[in-house]
């Protein structure tokens, strides 16, 4: 059994399963640095990649109010975590893993369909 390494982020527990993915932050060689974001998985059709919708508030100085905005972020989905559409996940920034992928899924906060 391969033990999950400490990635240095508190509040996120390592997955119970193990994997041989070199791009996994828990069992591979990828280091997490930079932003830690939370979002909902919108698409999961790519191989080991998910699209995460990150909602945030943007302050409009002219009107002194906030407006809702969102971004779609591509994130690597290791097989030990296996996030699916509708899951609420925590993602962390890494070095570029592909042309559009610079984030990796660190864990699932809430699975889709669970209450």
PDB file of N, CA and C in Angstrom:
ATOM      1  N   UNK A   1       0.844  -1.185   0.000  1.00  0.00           N
ATOM      2  CA  UNK A   1       0.000   0.000   0.000  1.00  0.00           C
ATOM      3  C   UNK A   1       0.889   1.247   0.000  1.00  0.00           C
ATOM      4  N   UNK A   2       0.654   2.125  -0.953  1.00  0.00           N
ATOM      5  CA  UNK A   2       1.403   3.371  -1.051  1.00  0.00           C
ATOM      6  C   UNK A   2       0.741   4.404  -0.150  1.00  0.00           C
ATOM      7  N   UNK A   3       1.547   5.036   0.699  1.00  0.00           N
ATOM      8  CA  UNK A   3       1.014   6.034   1.608  1.00  0.00           C
ATOM      9  C   UNK A   3       0.907   7.374   0.919  1.00  0.00           C
ATOM     10  N   UNK A   4      -0.126   8.135   1.226  1.00  0.00           N
ATOM     11  CA  UNK A   4      -0.299   9.467   0.659  1.00  0.00           C
ATOM     12  C   UNK A   4       0.646  10.428   1.367  1.00  0.00           C
ATOM     13  N   UNK A   5       1.326  11.276   0.582  1.00  0.00           N
ATOM     14  CA  UNK A   5       2.253  12.226   1.198  1.00  0.00           C
ATOM     15  C   UNK A   5       1.508  13.464   1.675  1.00  0.00           C
ATOM     16  N   UNK A   6       2.143  14.237   2.531  1.00  0.00           N
ATOM     17  CA  UNK A   6       1.569  15.469   3.053  1.00  0.00           C
ATOM     18  C   UNK A   6       1.795  16.577   2.022  1.00  0.00           C
ATOM     19  N   UNK A   7       0.714  17.200   1.529  1.00  0.00           N
ATOM     20  CA  UNK A   7       0.858  18.246   0.513  1.00  0.00           C
ATOM     21  C   UNK A   7       0.921  19.629   1.129  1.00  0.00           C
ATOM     22  N   UNK A   8       0.820  19.717   2.448  1.00  0.00           N
ATOM     23  CA  UNK A   8       1.015  20.985   3.138  1.00  0.00           C
ATOM     24  C   UNK A   8      -0.195  21.891   3.181  1.00  0.00           C
ATOM     25  N   UNK A   9      -1.393  21.355   2.965  1.00  0.00           N
ATOM     26  CA  UNK A   9      -2.618  22.153   3.002  1.00  0.00           C
ATOM     27  C   UNK A   9      -3.520  21.565   4.079  1.00  0.00           C
ATOM     28  N   UNK A  10      -3.844  22.386   5.076  1.00  0.00           N
ATOM     29  CA  UNK A  10      -4.664  21.891   6.175  1.00  0.00           C
ATOM     30  C   UNK A  10      -6.132  21.876   5.785  1.00  0.00           C
ATOM     31  N   UNK A  11      -6.882  20.987   6.388  1.00  0.00           N
ATOM     32  CA  UNK A  11      -8.317  20.903   6.158  1.00  0.00           C
ATOM     33  C   UNK A  11      -8.708  19.954   5.041  1.00  0.00           C
ATOM     34  N   UNK A  12      -7.742  19.404   4.317  1.00  0.00           N
ATOM     35  CA  UNK A  12      -8.041  18.472   3.226  1.00  0.00           C
ATOM     36  C   UNK A  12      -7.433  17.129   3.576  1.00  0.00           C
ATOM     37  N   UNK A  13      -8.268  16.103   3.618  1.00  0.00           N
ATOM     38  CA  UNK A  13      -7.789  14.773   3.958  1.00  0.00           C
ATOM     39  C   UNK A  13      -7.368  14.027   2.700  1.00  0.00           C
ATOM     40  N   UNK A  14      -6.330  13.202   2.783  1.00  0.00           N
ATOM     41  CA  UNK A  14      -5.909  12.422   1.614  1.00  0.00           C
ATOM     42  C   UNK A  14      -6.955  11.375   1.237  1.00  0.00           C
ATOM     43  N   UNK A  15      -7.003  10.978  -0.037  1.00  0.00           N
ATOM     44  CA  UNK A  15      -7.996   9.975  -0.453  1.00  0.00           C
ATOM     45  C   UNK A  15      -7.683   8.610   0.147  1.00  0.00           C
ATOM     46  N   UNK A  16      -8.731   7.794   0.280  1.00  0.00           N
ATOM     47  CA  UNK A  16      -8.569   6.461   0.860  1.00  0.00           C
ATOM     48  C   UNK A  16      -7.946   5.488  -0.142  1.00  0.00           C
ATOM     49  N   UNK A  17      -8.193   5.714  -1.440  1.00  0.00           N
ATOM     50  CA  UNK A  17      -7.636   4.859  -2.484  1.00  0.00           C
ATOM     51  C   UNK A  17      -6.239   5.341  -2.862  1.00  0.00           C
ATOM     52  N   UNK A  18      -5.481   4.483  -3.528  1.00  0.00           N
ATOM     53  CA  UNK A  18      -4.165   4.859  -4.037  1.00  0.00           C
ATOM     54  C   UNK A  18      -4.182   4.794  -5.548  1.00  0.00           C
ATOM     55  N   UNK A  19      -3.211   5.466  -6.173  1.00  0.00           N
ATOM     56  CA  UNK A  19      -3.121   5.445  -7.634  1.00  0.00           C
ATOM     57  C   UNK A  19      -1.653   5.529  -8.045  1.00  0.00           C
ATOM     58  N   UNK A  20      -1.386   5.273  -9.316  1.00  0.00           N
ATOM     59  CA  UNK A  20      -0.032   5.343  -9.868  1.00  0.00           C
ATOM     60  C   UNK A  20       0.124   6.533 -10.794  1.00  0.00           C
ATOM     61  N   UNK A  21      -0.745   7.532 -10.678  1.00  0.00           N
ATOM     62  CA  UNK A  21      -0.720   8.700 -11.558  1.00  0.00           C
ATOM     63  C   UNK A  21       0.429   9.625 -11.161  1.00  0.00           C
ATOM     64  N   UNK A  22       1.388   9.923 -12.061  1.00  0.00           N
ATOM     65  CA  UNK A  22       2.487  10.833 -11.713  1.00  0.00           C
ATOM     66  C   UNK A  22       2.037  12.278 -11.517  1.00  0.00           C
ATOM     67  N   UNK A  23       0.842  12.637 -11.998  1.00  0.00           N
ATOM     68  CA  UNK A  23       0.322  13.996 -11.844  1.00  0.00           C
ATOM     69  C   UNK A  23      -0.609  14.137 -10.648  1.00  0.00           C
ATOM     70  N   UNK A  24      -0.659  13.131  -9.785  1.00  0.00           N
ATOM     71  CA  UNK A  24      -1.485  13.178  -8.579  1.00  0.00           C
ATOM     72  C   UNK A  24      -0.702  13.900  -7.480  1.00  0.00           C
ATOM     73  N   UNK A  25      -1.323  14.865  -6.787  1.00  0.00           N
ATOM     74  CA  UNK A  25      -0.593  15.559  -5.725  1.00  0.00           C
ATOM     75  C   UNK A  25      -0.340  14.680  -4.499  1.00  0.00           C
ATOM     76  N   UNK A  26      -1.148  13.647  -4.301  1.00  0.00           N
ATOM     77  CA  UNK A  26      -1.024  12.779  -3.132  1.00  0.00           C
ATOM     78  C   UNK A  26      -0.038  11.633  -3.358  1.00  0.00           C
ATOM     79  N   UNK A  27      -0.028  11.042  -4.569  1.00  0.00           N
ATOM     80  CA  UNK A  27       0.787   9.857  -4.836  1.00  0.00           C
ATOM     81  C   UNK A  27       1.818  10.073  -5.938  1.00  0.00           C
ATOM     82  N   UNK A  28       1.829  11.242  -6.564  1.00  0.00           N
ATOM     83  CA  UNK A  28       2.741  11.513  -7.671  1.00  0.00           C
ATOM     84  C   UNK A  28       3.804  12.527  -7.317  1.00  0.00           C
ATOM     85  N   UNK A  29       4.248  13.287  -8.337  1.00  0.00           N
ATOM     86  CA  UNK A  29       5.365  14.219  -8.176  1.00  0.00           C
ATOM     87  C   UNK A  29       4.963  15.675  -8.332  1.00  0.00           C
ATOM     88  N   UNK A  30       3.683  15.989  -8.401  1.00  0.00           N
ATOM     89  CA  UNK A  30       3.225  17.364  -8.615  1.00  0.00           C
ATOM     90  C   UNK A  30       3.114  18.082  -7.279  1.00  0.00           C
ATOM     91  N   UNK A  31       3.652  19.287  -7.227  1.00  0.00           N
ATOM     92  CA  UNK A  31       3.577  20.107  -6.017  1.00  0.00           C
ATOM     93  C   UNK A  31       2.482  21.155  -6.192  1.00  0.00           C
ATOM     94  N   UNK A  32       1.722  21.399  -5.133  1.00  0.00           N
ATOM     95  CA  UNK A  32       0.635  22.384  -5.158  1.00  0.00           C
ATOM     96  C   UNK A  32       1.170  23.687  -4.597  1.00  0.00           C
ATOM     97  N   UNK A  33       1.049  24.760  -5.379  1.00  0.00           N
ATOM     98  CA  UNK A  33       1.462  26.089  -4.925  1.00  0.00           C
ATOM     99  C   UNK A  33       0.564  27.105  -5.586  1.00  0.00           C
ATOM    100  N   UNK A  34       0.369  28.238  -4.938  1.00  0.00           N
ATOM    101  CA  UNK A  34      -0.490  29.277  -5.509  1.00  0.00           C
ATOM    102  C   UNK A  34      -1.887  29.224  -4.924  1.00  0.00           C
ATOM    103  N   UNK A  35      -2.866  29.402  -5.794  1.00  0.00           N
ATOM    104  CA  UNK A  35      -4.258  29.524  -5.352  1.00  0.00           C
ATOM    105  C   UNK A  35      -4.862  28.185  -4.964  1.00  0.00           C
ATOM    106  N   UNK A  36      -5.742  28.221  -3.971  1.00  0.00           N
ATOM    107  CA  UNK A  36      -6.589  27.094  -3.584  1.00  0.00           C
ATOM    108  C   UNK A  36      -8.018  27.578  -3.757  1.00  0.00           C
ATOM    109  N   UNK A  37      -8.781  26.942  -4.651  1.00  0.00           N
ATOM    110  CA  UNK A  37     -10.135  27.394  -4.975  1.00  0.00           C
ATOM    111  C   UNK A  37     -11.133  26.279  -4.716  1.00  0.00           C
ATOM    112  N   UNK A  38     -12.398  26.679  -4.649  1.00  0.00           N
ATOM    113  CA  UNK A  38     -13.502  25.739  -4.451  1.00  0.00           C
ATOM    114  C   UNK A  38     -14.506  25.964  -5.562  1.00  0.00           C
ATOM    115  N   UNK A  39     -15.056  24.898  -6.107  1.00  0.00           N
ATOM    116  CA  UNK A  39     -16.020  25.042  -7.191  1.00  0.00           C
ATOM    117  C   UNK A  39     -16.810  23.767  -7.402  1.00  0.00           C
ATOM    118  N   UNK A  40     -17.655  23.803  -8.429  1.00  0.00           N
ATOM    119  CA  UNK A  40     -18.514  22.666  -8.757  1.00  0.00           C
ATOM    120  C   UNK A  40     -18.098  22.117 -10.116  1.00  0.00           C
ATOM    121  N   UNK A  41     -18.049  20.791 -10.227  1.00  0.00           N
ATOM    122  CA  UNK A  41     -17.651  20.150 -11.477  1.00  0.00           C
ATOM    123  C   UNK A  41     -18.796  20.264 -12.477  1.00  0.00           C
ATOM    124  N   UNK A  42     -18.493  20.863 -13.638  1.00  0.00           N
ATOM    125  CA  UNK A  42     -19.494  21.073 -14.679  1.00  0.00           C
ATOM    126  C   UNK A  42     -19.422  19.977 -15.738  1.00  0.00           C
ATOM    127  N   UNK A  43     -18.197  19.573 -16.118  1.00  0.00           N
ATOM    128  CA  UNK A  43     -17.998  18.529 -17.133  1.00  0.00           C
ATOM    129  C   UNK A  43     -16.935  17.557 -16.647  1.00  0.00           C
ATOM    130  N   UNK A  44     -17.123  16.284 -17.011  1.00  0.00           N
ATOM    131  CA  UNK A  44     -16.125  15.269 -16.655  1.00  0.00           C
ATOM    132  C   UNK A  44     -15.890  14.292 -17.802  1.00  0.00           C
ATOM    133  N   UNK A  45     -16.027  14.747 -19.043  1.00  0.00           N
ATOM    134  CA  UNK A  45     -15.938  13.864 -20.194  1.00  0.00           C
ATOM    135  C   UNK A  45     -14.516  13.627 -20.688  1.00  0.00           C
ATOM    136  N   UNK A  46     -13.569  14.519 -20.327  1.00  0.00           N
ATOM    137  CA  UNK A  46     -12.185  14.338 -20.763  1.00  0.00           C
ATOM    138  C   UNK A  46     -11.504  13.263 -19.929  1.00  0.00           C
ATOM    139  N   UNK A  47     -10.429  12.704 -20.468  1.00  0.00           N
ATOM    140  CA  UNK A  47      -9.669  11.673 -19.772  1.00  0.00           C
ATOM    141  C   UNK A  47      -8.862  12.305 -18.646  1.00  0.00           C
ATOM    142  N   UNK A  48      -9.209  11.977 -17.393  1.00  0.00           N
ATOM    143  CA  UNK A  48      -8.533  12.469 -16.189  1.00  0.00           C
ATOM    144  C   UNK A  48      -8.508  13.999 -16.082  1.00  0.00           C
ATOM    145  N   UNK A  49      -9.496  14.652 -16.638  1.00  0.00           N
ATOM    146  CA  UNK A  49      -9.606  16.112 -16.546  1.00  0.00           C
ATOM    147  C   UNK A  49     -11.067  16.483 -16.339  1.00  0.00           C
ATOM    148  N   UNK A  50     -11.316  17.470 -15.483  1.00  0.00           N
ATOM    149  CA  UNK A  50     -12.668  17.973 -15.252  1.00  0.00           C
ATOM    150  C   UNK A  50     -12.665  19.483 -15.457  1.00  0.00           C
ATOM    151  N   UNK A  51     -13.854  20.029 -15.724  1.00  0.00           N
ATOM    152  CA  UNK A  51     -14.037  21.477 -15.819  1.00  0.00           C
ATOM    153  C   UNK A  51     -14.782  21.913 -14.566  1.00  0.00           C
ATOM    154  N   UNK A  52     -14.188  22.845 -13.826  1.00  0.00           N
ATOM    155  CA  UNK A  52     -14.740  23.304 -12.558  1.00  0.00           C
ATOM    156  C   UNK A  52     -15.220  24.736 -12.714  1.00  0.00           C
ATOM    157  N   UNK A  53     -16.455  25.015 -12.272  1.00  0.00           N
ATOM    158  CA  UNK A  53     -17.000  26.374 -12.301  1.00  0.00           C
ATOM    159  C   UNK A  53     -16.717  27.024 -10.952  1.00  0.00           C
ATOM    160  N   UNK A  54     -15.936  28.111 -10.992  1.00  0.00           N
ATOM    161  CA  UNK A  54     -15.576  28.854  -9.784  1.00  0.00           C
ATOM    162  C   UNK A  54     -16.359  30.158  -9.769  1.00  0.00           C
ATOM    163  N   UNK A  55     -17.275  30.326  -8.807  1.00  0.00           N
ATOM    164  CA  UNK A  55     -18.078  31.542  -8.672  1.00  0.00           C
ATOM    165  C   UNK A  55     -17.388  32.493  -7.701  1.00  0.00           C
ATOM    166  N   UNK A  56     -17.414  33.788  -8.025  1.00  0.00           N
ATOM    167  CA  UNK A  56     -16.815  34.791  -7.149  1.00  0.00           C
ATOM    168  C   UNK A  56     -17.540  36.115  -7.317  1.00  0.00           C
ATOM    169  N   UNK A  57     -17.286  37.050  -6.413  1.00  0.00           N
ATOM    170  CA  UNK A  57     -17.890  38.378  -6.468  1.00  0.00           C
ATOM    171  C   UNK A  57     -16.851  39.380  -6.943  1.00  0.00           C
ATOM    172  N   UNK A  58     -17.256  40.289  -7.841  1.00  0.00           N
ATOM    173  CA  UNK A  58     -16.386  41.326  -8.378  1.00  0.00           C
ATOM    174  C   UNK A  58     -16.957  42.680  -7.973  1.00  0.00           C
ATOM    175  N   UNK A  59     -16.108  43.532  -7.391  1.00  0.00           N
ATOM    176  CA  UNK A  59     -16.555  44.842  -6.908  1.00  0.00           C
ATOM    177  C   UNK A  59     -16.519  45.848  -8.055  1.00  0.00           C
ATOM    178  N   UNK A  60     -17.673  46.532  -8.299  1.00  0.00           N
ATOM    179  CA  UNK A  60     -17.774  47.580  -9.311  1.00  0.00           C
ATOM    180  C   UNK A  60     -17.681  48.913  -8.580  1.00  0.00           C
ATOM    181  N   UNK A  61     -16.578  49.622  -8.808  1.00  0.00           N
ATOM    182  CA  UNK A  61     -16.295  50.836  -8.052  1.00  0.00           C
ATOM    183  C   UNK A  61     -17.310  51.942  -8.337  1.00  0.00           C
ATOM    184  N   UNK A  62     -17.738  52.032  -9.587  1.00  0.00           N
ATOM    185  CA  UNK A  62     -18.656  53.113  -9.971  1.00  0.00           C
ATOM    186  C   UNK A  62     -19.970  53.047  -9.198  1.00  0.00           C
ATOM    187  N   UNK A  63     -20.514  51.853  -9.053  1.00  0.00           N
ATOM    188  CA  UNK A  63     -21.804  51.683  -8.389  1.00  0.00           C
ATOM    189  C   UNK A  63     -21.684  51.250  -6.933  1.00  0.00           C
ATOM    190  N   UNK A  64     -20.480  51.025  -6.456  1.00  0.00           N
ATOM    191  CA  UNK A  64     -20.219  50.608  -5.082  1.00  0.00           C
ATOM    192  C   UNK A  64     -21.011  49.355  -4.698  1.00  0.00           C
ATOM    193  N   UNK A  65     -20.999  48.406  -5.615  1.00  0.00           N
ATOM    194  CA  UNK A  65     -21.718  47.149  -5.411  1.00  0.00           C
ATOM    195  C   UNK A  65     -20.889  45.986  -5.963  1.00  0.00           C
ATOM    196  N   UNK A  66     -21.311  44.796  -5.625  1.00  0.00           N
ATOM    197  CA  UNK A  66     -20.663  43.597  -6.135  1.00  0.00           C
ATOM    198  C   UNK A  66     -21.521  42.969  -7.212  1.00  0.00           C
ATOM    199  N   UNK A  67     -20.872  42.314  -8.178  1.00  0.00           N
ATOM    200  CA  UNK A  67     -21.602  41.528  -9.168  1.00  0.00           C
ATOM    201  C   UNK A  67     -21.042  40.113  -9.177  1.00  0.00           C
ATOM    202  N   UNK A  68     -21.915  39.150  -9.488  1.00  0.00           N
ATOM    203  CA  UNK A  68     -21.499  37.758  -9.534  1.00  0.00           C
ATOM    204  C   UNK A  68     -20.799  37.487 -10.863  1.00  0.00           C
ATOM    205  N   UNK A  69     -19.687  36.784 -10.792  1.00  0.00           N
ATOM    206  CA  UNK A  69     -18.973  36.339 -11.974  1.00  0.00           C
ATOM    207  C   UNK A  69     -18.543  34.895 -11.760  1.00  0.00           C
ATOM    208  N   UNK A  70     -18.143  34.241 -12.855  1.00  0.00           N
ATOM    209  CA  UNK A  70     -17.644  32.868 -12.734  1.00  0.00           C
ATOM    210  C   UNK A  70     -16.573  32.610 -13.786  1.00  0.00           C
ATOM    211  N   UNK A  71     -15.758  31.601 -13.528  1.00  0.00           N
ATOM    212  CA  UNK A  71     -14.751  31.132 -14.470  1.00  0.00           C
ATOM    213  C   UNK A  71     -14.864  29.630 -14.591  1.00  0.00           C
ATOM    214  N   UNK A  72     -14.552  29.113 -15.768  1.00  0.00           N
ATOM    215  CA  UNK A  72     -14.436  27.679 -15.965  1.00  0.00           C
ATOM    216  C   UNK A  72     -12.956  27.338 -15.961  1.00  0.00           C
ATOM    217  N   UNK A  73     -12.547  26.470 -15.060  1.00  0.00           N
ATOM    218  CA  UNK A  73     -11.148  26.114 -14.885  1.00  0.00           C
ATOM    219  C   UNK A  73     -10.980  24.631 -15.164  1.00  0.00           C
ATOM    220  N   UNK A  74     -10.017  24.293 -16.031  1.00  0.00           N
ATOM    221  CA  UNK A  74      -9.697  22.895 -16.297  1.00  0.00           C
ATOM    222  C   UNK A  74      -8.769  22.404 -15.197  1.00  0.00           C
ATOM    223  N   UNK A  75      -9.068  21.235 -14.620  1.00  0.00           N
ATOM    224  CA  UNK A  75      -8.267  20.678 -13.535  1.00  0.00           C
ATOM    225  C   UNK A  75      -8.037  19.191 -13.770  1.00  0.00           C
ATOM    226  N   UNK A  76      -6.830  18.738 -13.440  1.00  0.00           N
ATOM    227  CA  UNK A  76      -6.500  17.318 -13.549  1.00  0.00           C
ATOM    228  C   UNK A  76      -7.249  16.558 -12.457  1.00  0.00           C
ATOM    229  N   UNK A  77      -7.833  15.423 -12.819  1.00  0.00           N
ATOM    230  CA  UNK A  77      -8.647  14.622 -11.911  1.00  0.00           C
ATOM    231  C   UNK A  77      -7.972  13.264 -11.706  1.00  0.00           C
ATOM    232  N   UNK A  78      -7.179  13.091 -10.634  1.00  0.00           N
ATOM    233  CA  UNK A  78      -6.514  11.802 -10.420  1.00  0.00           C
ATOM    234  C   UNK A  78      -7.511  10.672 -10.194  1.00  0.00           C
ATOM    235  N   UNK A  79      -7.153   9.444 -10.589  1.00  0.00           N
ATOM    236  CA  UNK A  79      -8.091   8.323 -10.418  1.00  0.00           C
ATOM    237  C   UNK A  79      -8.408   8.002  -8.961  1.00  0.00           C
ATOM    238  N   UNK A  80      -7.532   8.375  -8.018  1.00  0.00           N
ATOM    239  CA  UNK A  80      -7.814   8.086  -6.608  1.00  0.00           C
ATOM    240  C   UNK A  80      -8.910   9.004  -6.056  1.00  0.00           C
ATOM    241  N   UNK A  81      -9.115  10.170  -6.660  1.00  0.00           N
ATOM    242  CA  UNK A  81     -10.165  11.097  -6.215  1.00  0.00           C
ATOM    243  C   UNK A  81     -11.432  10.894  -7.033  1.00  0.00           C
ATOM    244  N   UNK A  82     -11.296  10.834  -8.356  1.00  0.00           N
ATOM    245  CA  UNK A  82     -12.393  10.506  -9.278  1.00  0.00           C
ATOM    246  C   UNK A  82     -13.627  11.376  -9.069  1.00  0.00           C
ATOM    247  N   UNK A  83     -13.485  12.686  -9.241  1.00  0.00           N
ATOM    248  CA  UNK A  83     -14.616  13.616  -9.118  1.00  0.00           C
ATOM    249  C   UNK A  83     -15.540  13.466 -10.318  1.00  0.00           C
ATOM    250  N   UNK A  84     -16.831  13.567 -10.083  1.00  0.00           N
ATOM    251  CA  UNK A  84     -17.851  13.433 -11.136  1.00  0.00           C
ATOM    252  C   UNK A  84     -18.647  14.724 -11.261  1.00  0.00           C
ATOM    253  N   UNK A  85     -19.463  14.806 -12.302  1.00  0.00           N
ATOM    254  CA  UNK A  85     -20.284  15.989 -12.558  1.00  0.00           C
ATOM    255  C   UNK A  85     -21.223  16.245 -11.389  1.00  0.00           C
ATOM    256  N   UNK A  86     -21.250  17.503 -10.919  1.00  0.00           N
ATOM    257  CA  UNK A  86     -22.103  17.889  -9.807  1.00  0.00           C
ATOM    258  C   UNK A  86     -21.405  17.883  -8.459  1.00  0.00           C
ATOM    259  N   UNK A  87     -20.199  17.325  -8.377  1.00  0.00           N
ATOM    260  CA  UNK A  87     -19.456  17.302  -7.118  1.00  0.00           C
ATOM    261  C   UNK A  87     -18.900  18.686  -6.791  1.00  0.00           C
ATOM    262  N   UNK A  88     -18.849  19.012  -5.511  1.00  0.00           N
ATOM    263  CA  UNK A  88     -18.181  20.234  -5.060  1.00  0.00           C
ATOM    264  C   UNK A  88     -16.767  19.831  -4.660  1.00  0.00           C
ATOM    265  N   UNK A  89     -15.768  20.464  -5.304  1.00  0.00           N
ATOM    266  CA  UNK A  89     -14.378  20.053  -5.131  1.00  0.00           C
ATOM    267  C   UNK A  89     -13.494  21.221  -4.701  1.00  0.00           C
ATOM    268  N   UNK A  90     -12.325  20.874  -4.164  1.00  0.00           N
ATOM    269  CA  UNK A  90     -11.274  21.840  -3.857  1.00  0.00           C
ATOM    270  C   UNK A  90     -10.161  21.583  -4.858  1.00  0.00           C
ATOM    271  N   UNK A  91      -9.710  22.657  -5.551  1.00  0.00           N
ATOM    272  CA  UNK A  91      -8.641  22.523  -6.527  1.00  0.00           C
ATOM    273  C   UNK A  91      -7.476  23.413  -6.127  1.00  0.00           C
ATOM    274  N   UNK A  92      -6.283  23.000  -6.511  1.00  0.00           N
ATOM    275  CA  UNK A  92      -5.079  23.752  -6.186  1.00  0.00           C
ATOM    276  C   UNK A  92      -4.253  24.012  -7.429  1.00  0.00           C
ATOM    277  N   UNK A  93      -3.567  25.151  -7.450  1.00  0.00           N
ATOM    278  CA  UNK A  93      -2.752  25.528  -8.599  1.00  0.00           C
ATOM    279  C   UNK A  93      -1.430  24.768  -8.583  1.00  0.00           C
ATOM    280  N   UNK A  94      -0.986  24.343  -9.754  1.00  0.00           N
ATOM    281  CA  UNK A  94       0.282  23.638  -9.920  1.00  0.00           C
ATOM    282  C   UNK A  94       1.024  24.235 -11.104  1.00  0.00           C
ATOM    283  N   UNK A  95       2.122  23.603 -11.465  1.00  0.00           N
ATOM    284  CA  UNK A  95       2.787  23.971 -12.714  1.00  0.00           C
ATOM    285  C   UNK A  95       1.870  23.564 -13.870  1.00  0.00           C
ATOM    286  N   UNK A  96       2.067  24.099 -15.086  1.00  0.00           N
ATOM    287  CA  UNK A  96       1.213  23.678 -16.200  1.00  0.00           C
ATOM    288  C   UNK A  96       1.371  22.181 -16.489  1.00  0.00           C
ATOM    289  N   UNK A  97       0.240  21.464 -16.472  1.00  0.00           N
ATOM    290  CA  UNK A  97       0.239  20.027 -16.735  1.00  0.00           C
ATOM    291  C   UNK A  97      -0.107  19.724 -18.183  1.00  0.00           C
ATOM    292  N   UNK A  98      -0.790  20.648 -18.840  1.00  0.00           N
ATOM    293  CA  UNK A  98      -1.145  20.528 -20.252  1.00  0.00           C
ATOM    294  C   UNK A  98      -1.362  21.949 -20.777  1.00  0.00           C
ATOM    295  N   UNK A  99      -1.816  22.068 -22.001  1.00  0.00           N
ATOM    296  CA  UNK A  99      -1.993  23.399 -22.593  1.00  0.00           C
ATOM    297  C   UNK A  99      -2.945  24.261 -21.786  1.00  0.00           C
ATOM    298  N   UNK A 100      -4.046  23.703 -21.316  1.00  0.00           N
ATOM    299  CA  UNK A 100      -5.043  24.486 -20.584  1.00  0.00           C
ATOM    300  C   UNK A 100      -5.188  24.067 -19.129  1.00  0.00           C
ATOM    301  N   UNK A 101      -4.394  23.109 -18.657  1.00  0.00           N
ATOM    302  CA  UNK A 101      -4.558  22.568 -17.312  1.00  0.00           C
ATOM    303  C   UNK A 101      -3.403  23.026 -16.422  1.00  0.00           C
ATOM    304  N   UNK A 102      -3.733  23.840 -15.396  1.00  0.00           N
ATOM    305  CA  UNK A 102      -2.742  24.272 -14.415  1.00  0.00           C
ATOM    306  C   UNK A 102      -3.254  24.087 -12.990  1.00  0.00           C
ATOM    307  N   UNK A 103      -4.337  23.339 -12.835  1.00  0.00           N
ATOM    308  CA  UNK A 103      -4.907  23.053 -11.521  1.00  0.00           C
ATOM    309  C   UNK A 103      -5.083  21.546 -11.383  1.00  0.00           C
ATOM    310  N   UNK A 104      -5.171  21.086 -10.144  1.00  0.00           N
ATOM    311  CA  UNK A 104      -5.392  19.675  -9.867  1.00  0.00           C
ATOM    312  C   UNK A 104      -6.439  19.558  -8.751  1.00  0.00           C
ATOM    313  N   UNK A 105      -7.296  18.543  -8.849  1.00  0.00           N
ATOM    314  CA  UNK A 105      -8.329  18.317  -7.839  1.00  0.00           C
ATOM    315  C   UNK A 105      -7.655  17.730  -6.597  1.00  0.00           C
ATOM    316  N   UNK A 106      -7.855  18.397  -5.451  1.00  0.00           N
ATOM    317  CA  UNK A 106      -7.250  17.954  -4.194  1.00  0.00           C
ATOM    318  C   UNK A 106      -8.190  17.065  -3.390  1.00  0.00           C
ATOM    319  N   UNK A 107      -9.493  17.281  -3.539  1.00  0.00           N
ATOM    320  CA  UNK A 107     -10.451  16.471  -2.795  1.00  0.00           C
ATOM    321  C   UNK A 107     -11.876  16.866  -3.109  1.00  0.00           C
ATOM    322  N   UNK A 108     -12.793  15.982  -2.774  1.00  0.00           N
ATOM    323  CA  UNK A 108     -14.215  16.219  -2.980  1.00  0.00           C
ATOM    324  C   UNK A 108     -14.825  16.618  -1.639  1.00  0.00           C
ATOM    325  N   UNK A 109     -15.462  17.803  -1.606  1.00  0.00           N
ATOM    326  CA  UNK A 109     -16.115  18.292  -0.391  1.00  0.00           C
ATOM    327  C   UNK A 109     -17.463  17.621  -0.231  1.00  0.00           C
ATOM    328  N   UNK A 110     -18.222  17.541  -1.347  1.00  0.00           N
ATOM    329  CA  UNK A 110     -19.564  16.945  -1.315  1.00  0.00           C
ATOM    330  C   UNK A 110     -19.834  16.284  -2.643  1.00  0.00           C
ATOM    331  N   UNK A 111     -20.228  15.026  -2.593  1.00  0.00           N
ATOM    332  CA  UNK A 111     -20.573  14.286  -3.800  1.00  0.00           C
ATOM    333  C   UNK A 111     -21.949  14.690  -4.292  1.00  0.00           C
ATOM    334  N   UNK A 112     -22.168  14.583  -5.612  1.00  0.00           N
ATOM    335  CA  UNK A 112     -23.457  14.923  -6.201  1.00  0.00           C
ATOM    336  C   UNK A 112     -24.501  13.907  -5.736  1.00  0.00           C
ATOM    337  N   UNK A 113     -25.664  14.397  -5.357  1.00  0.00           N
ATOM    338  CA  UNK A 113     -26.751  13.534  -4.926  1.00  0.00           C
ATOM    339  C   UNK A 113     -26.760  13.249  -3.433  1.00  0.00           C
ATOM    340  N   UNK A 114     -25.706  13.603  -2.717  1.00  0.00           N
ATOM    341  CA  UNK A 114     -25.677  13.401  -1.270  1.00  0.00           C
ATOM    342  C   UNK A 114     -26.222  14.621  -0.565  1.00  0.00           C
ATOM    343  N   UNK A 115     -26.762  14.426   0.607  1.00  0.00           N
ATOM    344  CA  UNK A 115     -27.261  15.563   1.384  1.00  0.00           C
ATOM    345  C   UNK A 115     -26.589  15.633   2.728  1.00  0.00           C
TER     346      UNK A 115
END
